[in-house]
Protein backbone atom coordinates (compact mmCIF):
# COMPACT_ATOMS: atom_id res chain seq x y z
CA MET A 1 0.00 0.00 0.00
CA LYS A 2 2.87 2.39 0.82
CA LYS A 3 4.43 1.68 -2.57
CA PHE A 4 1.14 2.44 -4.31
CA ALA A 5 0.76 5.76 -2.44
CA SER A 6 4.27 6.91 -3.29
CA THR A 7 3.78 5.92 -6.94
CA LEU A 8 0.49 7.84 -7.03
CA VAL A 9 2.11 10.96 -5.55
CA LEU A 10 4.94 10.77 -8.08
CA PHE A 11 2.45 10.37 -10.93
CA VAL A 12 0.40 13.37 -9.77
CA LEU A 13 3.56 15.50 -9.55
CA LEU A 14 4.63 14.53 -13.06
CA VAL A 15 1.19 15.28 -14.49
CA SER A 16 1.09 18.63 -12.67
CA PHE A 17 4.50 19.56 -14.02
CA SER A 18 3.48 18.72 -17.59
CA PHE A 19 0.43 21.01 -17.31
CA LEU A 20 2.66 23.79 -16.00
CA GLN A 21 4.95 23.46 -19.01
CA VAL A 22 2.01 23.52 -21.44
CA SER A 23 0.51 26.64 -19.86
CA MET A 24 3.86 28.44 -19.89
CA ALA A 25 4.61 27.44 -23.49
CA GLY A 26 1.94 29.82 -24.81
CA ALA A 27 3.38 32.78 -22.93
CA GLU A 28 5.39 35.10 -25.12
CA PRO A 29 8.83 36.07 -23.91
CA SER A 30 8.85 39.70 -22.80
CA GLY A 31 11.31 40.63 -25.56
CA PHE A 32 9.12 39.26 -28.36
CA CYS A 33 7.08 42.44 -28.86
CA ASP A 34 10.06 44.70 -28.21
CA SER A 35 12.20 43.13 -30.91
CA LYS A 36 9.37 42.86 -33.45
CA CYS A 37 8.31 46.48 -32.87
CA GLN A 38 11.89 47.74 -33.08
CA ALA A 39 12.10 46.21 -36.55
CA ARG A 40 8.61 47.44 -37.53
CA CYS A 41 9.29 51.02 -36.40
CA ALA A 42 12.90 51.25 -37.66
CA LYS A 43 12.04 53.78 -40.37
CA ALA A 44 9.19 55.60 -38.60
CA GLY A 45 9.32 59.38 -38.43
CA VAL A 46 8.05 59.44 -34.84
CA GLN A 47 9.74 56.40 -33.28
CA ASP A 48 8.38 56.69 -29.73
CA ARG A 49 4.75 56.88 -30.90
CA CYS A 50 5.25 54.01 -33.34
CA LEU A 51 6.82 51.82 -30.64
CA LYS A 52 4.09 52.67 -28.14
CA TYR A 53 1.20 51.67 -30.41
CA CYS A 54 3.05 48.73 -31.93
CA ASN A 55 3.66 47.29 -28.45
CA VAL A 56 0.00 47.79 -27.47
CA CYS A 57 -1.13 46.00 -30.62
CA CYS A 58 1.48 43.25 -30.30
CA LYS A 59 0.48 42.44 -26.73
CA GLU A 60 -3.20 42.21 -27.69
CA CYS A 61 -2.74 40.42 -31.02
CA LYS A 62 0.42 38.39 -30.24
CA CYS A 63 1.83 39.18 -33.68
CA VAL A 64 3.42 42.00 -35.69
CA PRO A 65 3.59 42.07 -39.49
CA SER A 66 7.07 41.71 -40.96
CA GLY A 67 8.82 44.64 -42.58
CA THR A 68 8.65 48.32 -41.78
CA TYR A 69 5.40 49.11 -43.62
CA GLY A 70 2.35 47.33 -45.00
CA ARG A 71 1.97 43.53 -44.96
CA LYS A 72 -0.81 43.86 -42.37
CA ASP A 73 -2.61 40.88 -43.93
CA GLU A 74 -0.05 38.69 -42.11
CA CYS A 75 -1.77 39.64 -38.84
CA PRO A 76 -5.53 40.33 -39.20
CA CYS A 77 -5.97 41.35 -35.55
CA TYR A 78 -3.19 43.93 -35.93
CA ARG A 79 -4.71 45.13 -39.20
CA ASP A 80 -8.26 45.48 -37.86
CA LYS A 81 -7.56 47.47 -34.66
CA LEU A 82 -8.97 50.98 -34.92
CA ASN A 83 -8.50 54.07 -32.77
CA SER A 84 -11.38 56.19 -31.44
CA LYS A 85 -11.48 58.14 -34.74
CA GLY A 86 -11.92 54.98 -36.82
CA LYS A 87 -8.40 55.05 -38.23
CA PRO A 88 -5.87 52.18 -38.00
CA LYS A 89 -4.39 52.01 -34.51
CA CYS A 90 -1.41 49.83 -35.27
CA PRO A 91 1.57 51.14 -37.28
């Protein structure tokens, strides 16, 4: 009986650990948005504004289109975000 209990505890710990890994796998590293937005805003006239809105959009959409301009079809969420005036929010 003692062997069964220790085996059960070990099994529960292993299963718990595997769920922890799966839940953490979806989390983006903190530098993901920073590096993608740095590349996206490299040629922007107003860098700080571009980086601010790019990071907001990246955190919500979990993606940033490649390149410095256009290609928003790569990330529909990023493309479809609008500001309060109805204009595109994401650079």
